[in-house]
N, C-alpha and C. Protein backbone atom coordinates (compact mmCIF):
# COMPACT_ATOMS: atom_id res chain seq x y z
N MET A 1 8.65 -16.52 20.42
CA MET A 1 7.92 -15.26 20.63
C MET A 1 6.65 -15.26 19.78
N LYS A 2 5.56 -14.82 20.35
CA LYS A 2 4.29 -14.77 19.63
C LYS A 2 4.37 -13.74 18.51
N PRO A 3 3.99 -14.13 17.28
CA PRO A 3 4.05 -13.17 16.17
C PRO A 3 3.13 -11.98 16.40
N ARG A 4 3.57 -10.84 15.95
CA ARG A 4 2.71 -9.66 16.02
C ARG A 4 1.53 -9.84 15.07
N PRO A 5 0.42 -9.18 15.33
CA PRO A 5 -0.78 -9.38 14.50
C PRO A 5 -0.68 -8.68 13.15
N ILE A 6 -1.66 -8.98 12.33
CA ILE A 6 -1.88 -8.30 11.05
C ILE A 6 -3.07 -7.37 11.23
N LEU A 7 -2.91 -6.12 10.85
CA LEU A 7 -4.01 -5.16 10.94
C LEU A 7 -4.66 -5.02 9.56
N LEU A 8 -5.96 -5.24 9.52
CA LEU A 8 -6.73 -5.14 8.29
C LEU A 8 -7.85 -4.13 8.51
N THR A 9 -7.86 -3.06 7.72
CA THR A 9 -8.89 -2.04 7.91
C THR A 9 -9.82 -1.97 6.71
N GLY A 10 -11.05 -1.58 6.98
CA GLY A 10 -12.03 -1.29 5.94
C GLY A 10 -12.74 0.00 6.29
N PHE A 11 -13.64 0.43 5.41
CA PHE A 11 -14.38 1.67 5.63
C PHE A 11 -15.87 1.39 5.82
N GLU A 12 -16.50 2.26 6.58
CA GLU A 12 -17.95 2.23 6.70
C GLU A 12 -18.56 2.62 5.34
N PRO A 13 -19.85 2.35 5.12
CA PRO A 13 -20.49 2.74 3.86
C PRO A 13 -20.42 4.25 3.63
N PHE A 14 -20.43 4.64 2.36
CA PHE A 14 -20.35 6.06 2.00
C PHE A 14 -21.02 6.26 0.64
N GLY A 15 -21.22 7.52 0.30
CA GLY A 15 -21.68 7.87 -1.05
C GLY A 15 -22.98 7.24 -1.47
N GLY A 16 -23.87 6.98 -0.55
CA GLY A 16 -25.15 6.40 -0.90
C GLY A 16 -25.20 4.90 -0.88
N HIS A 17 -24.05 4.23 -0.69
CA HIS A 17 -24.03 2.78 -0.58
C HIS A 17 -24.56 2.36 0.79
N SER A 18 -25.32 1.29 0.84
CA SER A 18 -25.83 0.79 2.12
C SER A 18 -24.86 -0.17 2.78
N ILE A 19 -23.84 -0.59 2.05
CA ILE A 19 -22.86 -1.54 2.57
C ILE A 19 -21.52 -1.24 1.92
N ASN A 20 -20.47 -1.50 2.65
CA ASN A 20 -19.12 -1.35 2.09
C ASN A 20 -18.41 -2.68 2.25
N PRO A 21 -18.10 -3.35 1.15
CA PRO A 21 -17.47 -4.68 1.26
C PRO A 21 -16.13 -4.67 1.98
N SER A 22 -15.44 -3.53 1.96
CA SER A 22 -14.15 -3.48 2.67
C SER A 22 -14.35 -3.68 4.17
N ALA A 23 -15.41 -3.10 4.73
CA ALA A 23 -15.71 -3.30 6.15
C ALA A 23 -16.14 -4.72 6.41
N GLU A 24 -16.95 -5.30 5.51
CA GLU A 24 -17.43 -6.66 5.70
C GLU A 24 -16.28 -7.66 5.64
N VAL A 25 -15.32 -7.43 4.77
CA VAL A 25 -14.16 -8.32 4.69
C VAL A 25 -13.31 -8.21 5.96
N ALA A 26 -13.09 -6.98 6.43
CA ALA A 26 -12.32 -6.80 7.67
C ALA A 26 -12.99 -7.51 8.84
N ARG A 27 -14.31 -7.44 8.91
CA ARG A 27 -15.04 -8.14 9.98
C ARG A 27 -14.94 -9.66 9.81
N ALA A 28 -15.05 -10.12 8.57
CA ALA A 28 -15.03 -11.57 8.32
C ALA A 28 -13.68 -12.19 8.64
N LEU A 29 -12.60 -11.46 8.41
CA LEU A 29 -11.26 -12.01 8.65
C LEU A 29 -10.74 -11.72 10.06
N HIS A 30 -11.46 -10.91 10.81
CA HIS A 30 -11.04 -10.61 12.19
C HIS A 30 -10.95 -11.91 13.00
N GLY A 31 -9.81 -12.13 13.63
CA GLY A 31 -9.61 -13.32 14.45
C GLY A 31 -9.03 -14.49 13.70
N ARG A 32 -8.98 -14.45 12.36
CA ARG A 32 -8.39 -15.55 11.61
C ARG A 32 -6.87 -15.51 11.74
N THR A 33 -6.24 -16.67 11.69
CA THR A 33 -4.78 -16.74 11.73
C THR A 33 -4.25 -16.89 10.31
N ILE A 34 -3.34 -15.99 9.92
CA ILE A 34 -2.71 -16.02 8.60
C ILE A 34 -1.21 -15.89 8.80
N ASP A 35 -0.47 -16.84 8.25
CA ASP A 35 0.99 -16.86 8.38
C ASP A 35 1.41 -16.76 9.85
N GLY A 36 0.66 -17.41 10.72
CA GLY A 36 1.00 -17.45 12.14
C GLY A 36 0.54 -16.25 12.95
N SER A 37 -0.08 -15.27 12.29
CA SER A 37 -0.50 -14.05 12.98
C SER A 37 -2.02 -13.91 12.99
N LYS A 38 -2.55 -13.44 14.11
CA LYS A 38 -3.97 -13.15 14.19
C LYS A 38 -4.28 -11.88 13.40
N VAL A 39 -5.39 -11.91 12.68
CA VAL A 39 -5.84 -10.72 11.96
C VAL A 39 -6.74 -9.90 12.89
N VAL A 40 -6.44 -8.62 12.95
CA VAL A 40 -7.28 -7.67 13.69
C VAL A 40 -8.00 -6.81 12.66
N GLY A 41 -9.31 -6.93 12.59
CA GLY A 41 -10.10 -6.15 11.65
C GLY A 41 -10.65 -4.90 12.31
N VAL A 42 -10.47 -3.78 11.65
CA VAL A 42 -10.91 -2.48 12.18
C VAL A 42 -11.66 -1.74 11.07
N VAL A 43 -12.80 -1.16 11.41
CA VAL A 43 -13.58 -0.38 10.45
C VAL A 43 -13.35 1.10 10.73
N LEU A 44 -12.88 1.81 9.72
CA LEU A 44 -12.59 3.24 9.84
C LEU A 44 -13.77 4.08 9.37
N PRO A 45 -13.93 5.27 9.93
CA PRO A 45 -14.97 6.18 9.42
C PRO A 45 -14.56 6.71 8.05
N CYS A 46 -15.51 6.89 7.17
CA CYS A 46 -15.22 7.45 5.85
C CYS A 46 -15.27 8.97 5.94
N VAL A 47 -14.31 9.51 6.67
CA VAL A 47 -14.20 10.96 6.86
C VAL A 47 -12.74 11.35 6.76
N PHE A 48 -12.50 12.54 6.23
CA PHE A 48 -11.12 13.01 6.14
C PHE A 48 -10.56 13.31 7.53
N ASP A 49 -11.31 14.05 8.32
CA ASP A 49 -10.83 14.41 9.66
C ASP A 49 -11.26 13.34 10.66
N GLY A 50 -10.31 12.56 11.12
CA GLY A 50 -10.61 11.53 12.11
C GLY A 50 -10.23 10.13 11.69
N SER A 51 -10.20 9.86 10.38
CA SER A 51 -9.89 8.50 9.93
C SER A 51 -8.45 8.11 10.27
N ILE A 52 -7.52 9.04 10.08
CA ILE A 52 -6.13 8.72 10.38
C ILE A 52 -5.91 8.61 11.89
N ASP A 53 -6.64 9.40 12.67
CA ASP A 53 -6.55 9.28 14.13
C ASP A 53 -6.99 7.90 14.59
N ARG A 54 -8.07 7.38 14.00
CA ARG A 54 -8.54 6.04 14.33
C ARG A 54 -7.51 4.99 13.93
N LEU A 55 -6.92 5.18 12.76
CA LEU A 55 -5.88 4.26 12.29
C LEU A 55 -4.66 4.30 13.22
N HIS A 56 -4.26 5.50 13.61
CA HIS A 56 -3.11 5.66 14.50
C HIS A 56 -3.35 4.94 15.82
N ALA A 57 -4.55 5.07 16.35
CA ALA A 57 -4.89 4.40 17.60
C ALA A 57 -4.80 2.88 17.45
N ALA A 58 -5.24 2.35 16.32
CA ALA A 58 -5.17 0.91 16.08
C ALA A 58 -3.73 0.44 15.96
N LEU A 59 -2.88 1.24 15.32
CA LEU A 59 -1.46 0.89 15.21
C LEU A 59 -0.81 0.84 16.59
N ASP A 60 -1.11 1.82 17.43
CA ASP A 60 -0.53 1.86 18.77
C ASP A 60 -1.05 0.72 19.64
N ALA A 61 -2.33 0.39 19.48
CA ALA A 61 -2.93 -0.65 20.31
C ALA A 61 -2.44 -2.05 19.96
N HIS A 62 -2.21 -2.30 18.67
CA HIS A 62 -1.93 -3.67 18.23
C HIS A 62 -0.51 -3.90 17.75
N ARG A 63 0.23 -2.85 17.43
CA ARG A 63 1.62 -2.94 16.99
C ARG A 63 1.79 -4.06 15.95
N PRO A 64 1.10 -3.95 14.82
CA PRO A 64 1.09 -5.03 13.83
C PRO A 64 2.41 -5.17 13.07
N ARG A 65 2.61 -6.35 12.51
CA ARG A 65 3.76 -6.60 11.64
C ARG A 65 3.45 -6.20 10.20
N LEU A 66 2.16 -6.14 9.90
CA LEU A 66 1.70 -5.88 8.54
C LEU A 66 0.36 -5.15 8.61
N VAL A 67 0.19 -4.15 7.75
CA VAL A 67 -1.09 -3.42 7.68
C VAL A 67 -1.56 -3.40 6.23
N LEU A 68 -2.79 -3.84 6.03
CA LEU A 68 -3.43 -3.71 4.72
C LEU A 68 -4.73 -2.95 4.92
N ALA A 69 -4.81 -1.78 4.31
CA ALA A 69 -6.05 -0.99 4.35
C ALA A 69 -6.84 -1.30 3.08
N LEU A 70 -8.14 -1.48 3.23
CA LEU A 70 -9.02 -1.80 2.11
C LEU A 70 -10.00 -0.66 1.85
N GLY A 71 -10.41 -0.54 0.60
CA GLY A 71 -11.43 0.42 0.24
C GLY A 71 -12.26 -0.09 -0.92
N LEU A 72 -13.33 0.58 -1.21
CA LEU A 72 -14.24 0.21 -2.29
C LEU A 72 -13.99 1.05 -3.53
N ALA A 73 -13.80 0.37 -4.67
CA ALA A 73 -13.75 1.02 -5.97
C ALA A 73 -14.75 0.28 -6.85
N ALA A 74 -16.01 0.71 -6.79
CA ALA A 74 -17.10 -0.04 -7.41
C ALA A 74 -16.99 -0.11 -8.93
N GLU A 75 -16.24 0.82 -9.52
CA GLU A 75 -16.11 0.82 -10.97
C GLU A 75 -15.02 -0.13 -11.47
N ARG A 76 -14.24 -0.69 -10.56
CA ARG A 76 -13.13 -1.57 -10.95
C ARG A 76 -13.54 -3.04 -10.88
N GLU A 77 -12.68 -3.85 -11.46
CA GLU A 77 -12.91 -5.29 -11.46
C GLU A 77 -11.93 -5.97 -10.50
N GLY A 78 -12.43 -6.81 -9.64
CA GLY A 78 -11.57 -7.63 -8.79
C GLY A 78 -10.81 -6.85 -7.73
N PHE A 79 -9.52 -7.18 -7.62
CA PHE A 79 -8.64 -6.67 -6.56
C PHE A 79 -7.56 -5.79 -7.18
N THR A 80 -7.37 -4.61 -6.63
CA THR A 80 -6.36 -3.70 -7.19
C THR A 80 -5.49 -3.11 -6.08
N PRO A 81 -4.36 -3.76 -5.76
CA PRO A 81 -3.41 -3.16 -4.82
C PRO A 81 -2.88 -1.84 -5.39
N GLU A 82 -2.73 -0.87 -4.52
CA GLU A 82 -2.30 0.46 -4.94
C GLU A 82 -0.78 0.61 -4.83
N ARG A 83 -0.21 1.29 -5.81
CA ARG A 83 1.24 1.49 -5.83
C ARG A 83 1.66 2.70 -5.00
N ILE A 84 0.89 3.80 -5.09
CA ILE A 84 1.38 5.06 -4.53
C ILE A 84 0.25 5.86 -3.90
N ALA A 85 0.56 6.55 -2.82
CA ALA A 85 -0.36 7.49 -2.17
C ALA A 85 0.21 8.89 -2.35
N ILE A 86 -0.63 9.83 -2.74
CA ILE A 86 -0.15 11.19 -2.96
C ILE A 86 -0.68 12.13 -1.88
N ASN A 87 0.07 13.20 -1.67
CA ASN A 87 -0.26 14.15 -0.60
C ASN A 87 -1.30 15.17 -1.10
N LEU A 88 -2.51 14.65 -1.39
CA LEU A 88 -3.56 15.51 -1.93
C LEU A 88 -4.93 14.97 -1.60
N ASP A 89 -5.76 15.82 -1.02
CA ASP A 89 -7.19 15.57 -0.85
C ASP A 89 -7.92 16.43 -1.88
N ASP A 90 -8.74 15.79 -2.73
CA ASP A 90 -9.50 16.52 -3.74
C ASP A 90 -10.79 15.75 -3.96
N ALA A 91 -11.76 15.98 -3.10
CA ALA A 91 -12.94 15.13 -3.01
C ALA A 91 -13.97 15.44 -4.08
N ARG A 92 -14.39 14.40 -4.80
CA ARG A 92 -15.45 14.53 -5.80
C ARG A 92 -16.81 14.67 -5.13
N ILE A 93 -16.98 14.00 -3.99
CA ILE A 93 -18.22 14.07 -3.22
C ILE A 93 -17.87 14.31 -1.76
N PRO A 94 -18.81 14.82 -0.95
CA PRO A 94 -18.51 15.01 0.48
C PRO A 94 -18.29 13.68 1.18
N ASP A 95 -17.50 13.70 2.24
CA ASP A 95 -17.34 12.50 3.06
C ASP A 95 -18.56 12.36 3.98
N ASN A 96 -18.52 11.39 4.87
CA ASN A 96 -19.69 11.13 5.71
C ASN A 96 -19.95 12.20 6.77
N ALA A 97 -19.00 13.12 6.92
CA ALA A 97 -19.21 14.25 7.83
C ALA A 97 -19.56 15.52 7.06
N GLY A 98 -19.69 15.40 5.75
CA GLY A 98 -20.04 16.56 4.94
C GLY A 98 -18.86 17.37 4.45
N ALA A 99 -17.64 16.94 4.75
CA ALA A 99 -16.45 17.68 4.32
C ALA A 99 -16.10 17.32 2.88
N GLN A 100 -15.67 18.32 2.13
CA GLN A 100 -15.30 18.10 0.74
C GLN A 100 -14.07 18.95 0.41
N PRO A 101 -12.91 18.56 0.93
CA PRO A 101 -11.70 19.34 0.67
C PRO A 101 -11.32 19.33 -0.81
N ILE A 102 -10.86 20.46 -1.29
CA ILE A 102 -10.44 20.59 -2.68
C ILE A 102 -8.99 21.06 -2.72
N ASP A 103 -8.16 20.30 -3.41
CA ASP A 103 -6.75 20.66 -3.59
C ASP A 103 -6.06 21.01 -2.27
N ARG A 104 -6.27 20.17 -1.28
CA ARG A 104 -5.68 20.36 0.03
C ARG A 104 -4.69 19.23 0.31
N PRO A 105 -3.54 19.51 0.88
CA PRO A 105 -2.62 18.41 1.21
C PRO A 105 -3.17 17.55 2.34
N VAL A 106 -2.86 16.27 2.28
CA VAL A 106 -3.17 15.38 3.39
C VAL A 106 -2.40 15.84 4.61
N LEU A 107 -1.13 16.15 4.40
CA LEU A 107 -0.24 16.59 5.47
C LEU A 107 0.55 17.79 4.97
N ALA A 108 0.28 18.96 5.51
CA ALA A 108 1.00 20.16 5.09
C ALA A 108 2.50 19.97 5.34
N GLY A 109 3.27 20.20 4.30
CA GLY A 109 4.72 20.05 4.42
C GLY A 109 5.22 18.63 4.29
N GLY A 110 4.31 17.67 4.09
CA GLY A 110 4.72 16.27 3.97
C GLY A 110 5.28 15.97 2.59
N PRO A 111 5.88 14.79 2.43
CA PRO A 111 6.39 14.39 1.12
C PRO A 111 5.28 14.38 0.08
N VAL A 112 5.66 14.53 -1.17
CA VAL A 112 4.68 14.53 -2.26
C VAL A 112 3.93 13.21 -2.33
N ALA A 113 4.62 12.11 -2.05
CA ALA A 113 4.00 10.79 -2.18
C ALA A 113 4.74 9.76 -1.35
N TYR A 114 4.06 8.66 -1.08
CA TYR A 114 4.66 7.48 -0.46
C TYR A 114 4.32 6.26 -1.32
N PHE A 115 5.27 5.36 -1.47
CA PHE A 115 5.02 4.09 -2.14
C PHE A 115 4.60 3.03 -1.13
N SER A 116 3.76 2.13 -1.57
CA SER A 116 3.42 0.97 -0.75
C SER A 116 4.68 0.18 -0.45
N THR A 117 4.74 -0.41 0.73
CA THR A 117 5.86 -1.31 1.06
C THR A 117 5.41 -2.77 1.03
N LEU A 118 4.24 -3.01 0.48
CA LEU A 118 3.76 -4.38 0.30
C LEU A 118 4.26 -4.93 -1.04
N PRO A 119 4.39 -6.24 -1.17
CA PRO A 119 4.84 -6.85 -2.43
C PRO A 119 3.68 -6.94 -3.42
N ILE A 120 3.30 -5.81 -3.99
CA ILE A 120 2.05 -5.75 -4.76
C ILE A 120 2.08 -6.63 -6.01
N LYS A 121 3.25 -6.79 -6.65
CA LYS A 121 3.31 -7.67 -7.81
C LYS A 121 3.11 -9.12 -7.41
N ALA A 122 3.71 -9.52 -6.31
CA ALA A 122 3.53 -10.90 -5.82
C ALA A 122 2.08 -11.13 -5.40
N MET A 123 1.46 -10.12 -4.80
CA MET A 123 0.06 -10.24 -4.39
C MET A 123 -0.85 -10.45 -5.61
N VAL A 124 -0.62 -9.65 -6.65
CA VAL A 124 -1.42 -9.79 -7.86
C VAL A 124 -1.19 -11.17 -8.50
N ALA A 125 0.05 -11.62 -8.54
CA ALA A 125 0.35 -12.94 -9.12
C ALA A 125 -0.35 -14.05 -8.35
N ALA A 126 -0.34 -13.96 -7.02
CA ALA A 126 -0.99 -14.98 -6.20
C ALA A 126 -2.50 -14.97 -6.40
N LEU A 127 -3.08 -13.79 -6.49
CA LEU A 127 -4.52 -13.67 -6.72
C LEU A 127 -4.91 -14.25 -8.08
N ARG A 128 -4.13 -13.93 -9.09
CA ARG A 128 -4.42 -14.46 -10.43
C ARG A 128 -4.26 -15.98 -10.48
N SER A 129 -3.25 -16.48 -9.78
CA SER A 129 -3.04 -17.94 -9.75
C SER A 129 -4.23 -18.65 -9.11
N ALA A 130 -4.91 -17.97 -8.19
CA ALA A 130 -6.08 -18.54 -7.54
C ALA A 130 -7.36 -18.31 -8.34
N GLY A 131 -7.25 -17.67 -9.50
CA GLY A 131 -8.41 -17.46 -10.36
C GLY A 131 -9.13 -16.15 -10.16
N HIS A 132 -8.53 -15.23 -9.42
CA HIS A 132 -9.17 -13.94 -9.16
C HIS A 132 -8.66 -12.87 -10.14
N ALA A 133 -9.53 -11.97 -10.53
CA ALA A 133 -9.12 -10.82 -11.32
C ALA A 133 -8.35 -9.86 -10.43
N ALA A 134 -7.15 -9.47 -10.86
CA ALA A 134 -6.32 -8.60 -10.05
C ALA A 134 -5.35 -7.84 -10.94
N SER A 135 -5.06 -6.60 -10.55
CA SER A 135 -4.09 -5.79 -11.27
C SER A 135 -3.60 -4.69 -10.35
N ILE A 136 -2.40 -4.19 -10.64
CA ILE A 136 -1.85 -3.10 -9.86
C ILE A 136 -2.48 -1.78 -10.31
N SER A 137 -2.88 -0.97 -9.35
CA SER A 137 -3.40 0.36 -9.65
C SER A 137 -2.31 1.39 -9.37
N PRO A 138 -2.10 2.34 -10.28
CA PRO A 138 -1.06 3.34 -10.06
C PRO A 138 -1.46 4.44 -9.09
N SER A 139 -2.75 4.57 -8.79
CA SER A 139 -3.20 5.68 -7.95
C SER A 139 -4.43 5.29 -7.14
N ALA A 140 -4.44 5.69 -5.88
CA ALA A 140 -5.59 5.43 -5.01
C ALA A 140 -6.62 6.55 -5.07
N GLY A 141 -6.45 7.48 -6.02
CA GLY A 141 -7.40 8.58 -6.17
C GLY A 141 -7.07 9.74 -5.25
N ASN A 142 -8.11 10.54 -4.94
CA ASN A 142 -7.92 11.72 -4.09
C ASN A 142 -8.94 11.80 -2.97
N TYR A 143 -9.64 10.66 -2.73
CA TYR A 143 -10.71 10.66 -1.73
C TYR A 143 -10.17 10.12 -0.40
N VAL A 144 -11.03 9.64 0.47
CA VAL A 144 -10.61 9.21 1.80
C VAL A 144 -9.69 7.99 1.73
N CYS A 145 -9.84 7.16 0.71
CA CYS A 145 -8.95 6.00 0.57
C CYS A 145 -7.50 6.45 0.44
N ASN A 146 -7.24 7.39 -0.46
CA ASN A 146 -5.88 7.91 -0.62
C ASN A 146 -5.43 8.63 0.65
N HIS A 147 -6.34 9.35 1.28
CA HIS A 147 -6.04 10.06 2.52
C HIS A 147 -5.51 9.09 3.59
N VAL A 148 -6.21 7.97 3.76
CA VAL A 148 -5.79 6.98 4.75
C VAL A 148 -4.51 6.27 4.32
N PHE A 149 -4.40 5.96 3.04
CA PHE A 149 -3.19 5.31 2.52
C PHE A 149 -1.97 6.19 2.79
N TYR A 150 -2.07 7.47 2.46
CA TYR A 150 -0.96 8.38 2.71
C TYR A 150 -0.67 8.48 4.21
N GLY A 151 -1.73 8.64 5.00
CA GLY A 151 -1.53 8.72 6.45
C GLY A 151 -0.89 7.48 7.02
N LEU A 152 -1.31 6.31 6.52
CA LEU A 152 -0.72 5.06 6.97
C LEU A 152 0.77 5.02 6.69
N MET A 153 1.16 5.32 5.47
CA MET A 153 2.58 5.23 5.12
C MET A 153 3.40 6.27 5.86
N HIS A 154 2.81 7.42 6.14
CA HIS A 154 3.52 8.42 6.94
C HIS A 154 3.74 7.92 8.37
N LEU A 155 2.73 7.27 8.93
CA LEU A 155 2.85 6.72 10.28
C LEU A 155 3.85 5.57 10.34
N LEU A 156 3.91 4.78 9.26
CA LEU A 156 4.80 3.60 9.26
C LEU A 156 6.25 3.95 8.97
N ARG A 157 6.53 5.16 8.56
CA ARG A 157 7.90 5.48 8.14
C ARG A 157 8.91 5.28 9.26
N ARG A 158 8.45 5.34 10.51
CA ARG A 158 9.36 5.15 11.64
C ARG A 158 9.07 3.88 12.42
N ARG A 159 8.19 3.04 11.90
CA ARG A 159 7.89 1.77 12.56
C ARG A 159 8.65 0.67 11.82
N ARG A 160 9.88 0.48 12.20
CA ARG A 160 10.75 -0.47 11.51
C ARG A 160 10.19 -1.88 11.64
N GLY A 161 10.16 -2.58 10.52
CA GLY A 161 9.68 -3.96 10.55
C GLY A 161 8.20 -4.11 10.27
N THR A 162 7.51 -3.02 9.94
CA THR A 162 6.08 -3.09 9.62
C THR A 162 5.86 -2.69 8.17
N CYS A 163 5.33 -3.62 7.38
CA CYS A 163 4.98 -3.33 5.99
C CYS A 163 3.54 -2.81 5.93
N GLY A 164 3.25 -2.02 4.93
CA GLY A 164 1.89 -1.51 4.83
C GLY A 164 1.53 -1.05 3.43
N GLY A 165 0.24 -1.00 3.17
CA GLY A 165 -0.25 -0.52 1.88
C GLY A 165 -1.76 -0.57 1.82
N PHE A 166 -2.27 -0.37 0.61
CA PHE A 166 -3.70 -0.24 0.39
C PHE A 166 -4.13 -1.09 -0.80
N MET A 167 -5.35 -1.63 -0.70
CA MET A 167 -5.91 -2.38 -1.82
C MET A 167 -7.39 -2.06 -1.97
N HIS A 168 -7.80 -1.75 -3.19
CA HIS A 168 -9.21 -1.53 -3.47
C HIS A 168 -9.89 -2.83 -3.87
N LEU A 169 -11.14 -2.94 -3.49
CA LEU A 169 -11.98 -4.07 -3.85
C LEU A 169 -13.11 -3.58 -4.76
N CYS A 170 -13.54 -4.46 -5.67
CA CYS A 170 -14.74 -4.13 -6.43
C CYS A 170 -15.96 -4.26 -5.52
N GLY A 171 -17.10 -3.87 -6.02
CA GLY A 171 -18.31 -3.94 -5.22
C GLY A 171 -18.92 -5.33 -5.21
N LEU A 172 -19.95 -5.47 -4.38
CA LEU A 172 -20.73 -6.69 -4.34
C LEU A 172 -21.72 -6.69 -5.52
N PRO A 173 -22.18 -7.86 -5.95
CA PRO A 173 -23.11 -7.90 -7.10
C PRO A 173 -24.33 -7.01 -6.93
N GLN A 174 -24.88 -6.94 -5.72
CA GLN A 174 -26.08 -6.12 -5.53
C GLN A 174 -25.78 -4.63 -5.65
N GLN A 175 -24.54 -4.24 -5.35
CA GLN A 175 -24.16 -2.84 -5.54
C GLN A 175 -23.99 -2.52 -7.02
N GLN A 176 -23.32 -3.41 -7.73
CA GLN A 176 -23.03 -3.16 -9.13
C GLN A 176 -24.32 -3.08 -9.95
N ALA A 177 -25.32 -3.83 -9.54
CA ALA A 177 -26.59 -3.81 -10.27
C ALA A 177 -27.22 -2.43 -10.25
N THR A 178 -27.00 -1.68 -9.18
CA THR A 178 -27.58 -0.33 -9.07
C THR A 178 -26.72 0.72 -9.74
N LEU A 179 -25.45 0.39 -10.01
CA LEU A 179 -24.54 1.36 -10.60
C LEU A 179 -24.47 1.27 -12.11
N GLY A 180 -24.91 0.13 -12.67
CA GLY A 180 -24.80 -0.07 -14.11
C GLY A 180 -23.37 -0.35 -14.51
N GLY A 181 -23.06 -0.21 -15.77
CA GLY A 181 -21.71 -0.48 -16.24
C GLY A 181 -21.51 -1.96 -16.52
N ASN A 182 -20.25 -2.31 -16.78
CA ASN A 182 -19.94 -3.66 -17.21
C ASN A 182 -19.29 -4.52 -16.13
N VAL A 183 -19.10 -3.99 -14.92
CA VAL A 183 -18.46 -4.74 -13.85
C VAL A 183 -19.54 -5.45 -13.02
N ALA A 184 -19.43 -6.76 -12.95
CA ALA A 184 -20.49 -7.54 -12.28
C ALA A 184 -20.37 -7.55 -10.77
N GLY A 185 -19.18 -7.30 -10.24
CA GLY A 185 -18.98 -7.40 -8.80
C GLY A 185 -18.69 -8.83 -8.39
N LEU A 186 -18.30 -9.00 -7.13
CA LEU A 186 -17.95 -10.31 -6.60
C LEU A 186 -18.68 -10.56 -5.29
N PRO A 187 -19.06 -11.81 -5.03
CA PRO A 187 -19.69 -12.15 -3.75
C PRO A 187 -18.73 -11.90 -2.59
N LEU A 188 -19.29 -11.67 -1.41
CA LEU A 188 -18.46 -11.39 -0.24
C LEU A 188 -17.47 -12.52 0.03
N GLU A 189 -17.90 -13.77 -0.09
CA GLU A 189 -16.98 -14.88 0.20
C GLU A 189 -15.78 -14.90 -0.75
N THR A 190 -15.98 -14.45 -1.99
CA THR A 190 -14.87 -14.36 -2.94
C THR A 190 -13.92 -13.25 -2.55
N LEU A 191 -14.47 -12.13 -2.12
CA LEU A 191 -13.63 -11.02 -1.66
C LEU A 191 -12.83 -11.41 -0.43
N VAL A 192 -13.46 -12.12 0.49
CA VAL A 192 -12.76 -12.58 1.70
C VAL A 192 -11.62 -13.52 1.32
N ASP A 193 -11.88 -14.44 0.42
CA ASP A 193 -10.85 -15.39 -0.02
C ASP A 193 -9.67 -14.65 -0.66
N GLY A 194 -9.98 -13.69 -1.53
CA GLY A 194 -8.92 -12.95 -2.20
C GLY A 194 -8.07 -12.13 -1.25
N VAL A 195 -8.71 -11.48 -0.29
CA VAL A 195 -7.95 -10.68 0.67
C VAL A 195 -7.09 -11.59 1.55
N ALA A 196 -7.60 -12.75 1.92
CA ALA A 196 -6.79 -13.71 2.70
C ALA A 196 -5.55 -14.14 1.92
N ILE A 197 -5.70 -14.37 0.61
CA ILE A 197 -4.55 -14.73 -0.23
C ILE A 197 -3.56 -13.58 -0.29
N ALA A 198 -4.07 -12.37 -0.47
CA ALA A 198 -3.19 -11.20 -0.52
C ALA A 198 -2.43 -11.02 0.79
N LEU A 199 -3.11 -11.21 1.92
CA LEU A 199 -2.46 -11.07 3.22
C LEU A 199 -1.39 -12.14 3.43
N ALA A 200 -1.70 -13.38 3.07
CA ALA A 200 -0.73 -14.46 3.24
C ALA A 200 0.52 -14.21 2.40
N THR A 201 0.31 -13.75 1.18
CA THR A 201 1.44 -13.45 0.29
C THR A 201 2.28 -12.30 0.85
N ALA A 202 1.61 -11.25 1.26
CA ALA A 202 2.31 -10.09 1.80
C ALA A 202 3.07 -10.44 3.08
N ALA A 203 2.43 -11.21 3.96
CA ALA A 203 3.06 -11.57 5.23
C ALA A 203 4.33 -12.38 5.01
N ALA A 204 4.25 -13.35 4.08
CA ALA A 204 5.42 -14.19 3.81
C ALA A 204 6.58 -13.36 3.24
N HIS A 205 6.28 -12.49 2.29
CA HIS A 205 7.33 -11.68 1.67
C HIS A 205 7.90 -10.67 2.65
N CYS A 206 7.05 -10.03 3.44
CA CYS A 206 7.54 -9.02 4.39
C CYS A 206 8.40 -9.66 5.48
N SER A 207 8.00 -10.85 5.92
CA SER A 207 8.80 -11.56 6.93
C SER A 207 10.17 -11.91 6.39
N GLN A 208 10.20 -12.37 5.13
CA GLN A 208 11.48 -12.73 4.51
C GLN A 208 12.37 -11.50 4.35
N ARG A 209 11.75 -10.39 3.94
CA ARG A 209 12.51 -9.16 3.76
C ARG A 209 13.07 -8.66 5.09
N TRP A 210 12.24 -8.74 6.15
CA TRP A 210 12.65 -8.27 7.46
C TRP A 210 13.76 -9.15 8.02
N SER A 211 13.66 -10.47 7.82
CA SER A 211 14.71 -11.38 8.29
C SER A 211 16.02 -11.13 7.57
N SER A 212 15.95 -10.88 6.26
CA SER A 212 17.16 -10.59 5.50
C SER A 212 17.79 -9.29 5.94
N SER A 213 16.95 -8.30 6.24
CA SER A 213 17.45 -7.01 6.68
C SER A 213 18.15 -7.12 8.03
N LYS A 214 17.54 -7.88 8.96
CA LYS A 214 18.14 -8.06 10.28
C LYS A 214 19.48 -8.79 10.16
N ALA A 215 19.52 -9.81 9.29
CA ALA A 215 20.76 -10.56 9.11
C ALA A 215 21.86 -9.68 8.54
N ALA A 216 21.51 -8.83 7.58
CA ALA A 216 22.49 -7.94 6.98
C ALA A 216 23.01 -6.93 8.00
N ASN A 217 22.09 -6.41 8.83
CA ASN A 217 22.50 -5.41 9.82
C ASN A 217 23.33 -6.01 10.95
N SER A 218 23.20 -7.32 11.16
CA SER A 218 23.96 -7.96 12.24
C SER A 218 25.30 -8.51 11.77
N THR A 219 25.56 -8.45 10.46
CA THR A 219 26.82 -8.96 9.92
C THR A 219 27.96 -8.02 10.29
N PRO A 220 29.05 -8.54 10.89
CA PRO A 220 30.18 -7.68 11.25
C PRO A 220 30.77 -7.03 10.01
N ARG A 221 31.20 -5.78 10.17
CA ARG A 221 31.81 -5.05 9.05
C ARG A 221 33.20 -4.58 9.44
């Protein structure tokens, strides 16, 4: 049976940036085969209202085995897989549609939080072994990145056999130069390489977990 694809999402530019490396990485890896699965790259709008609808449509269209959503955290170094998404929109700046929700739930009546189902510790270990700066982030913030992360995990709660989560990327060197600070940023090819490593690690672990789960459920009791 042909393996289901891997869905990789990024965001369009926002907040005065002329480029968003998360979108460029999703485009660069679109069509690549990782762990036997084709990568489908999708660019989401950086808006609170509509981003999850676009994500939902991509999930229905491609029925992926694994979903990794990417976002930009220009103040961070390297790659930071997120541990948890919280049910809160609290925007520091307006989104690309001008919306700036304050202390609003992502989903009224939804759970307080969702944990990533990706093997984030293994992903960080694999990235570090390849020479990339990487660390686990405890929070995806309160902007559109967290909004999509929470929406993704809510959508995946009933899609058995699909792992999902979120990872922030640092900015490109040309972006960091305009922001100041001590983070130099990484070239696009380095970001693409790191995300490919993270996807391969996640795909292998999720497949093993899913196979073990199926075997356990099929064991006579």
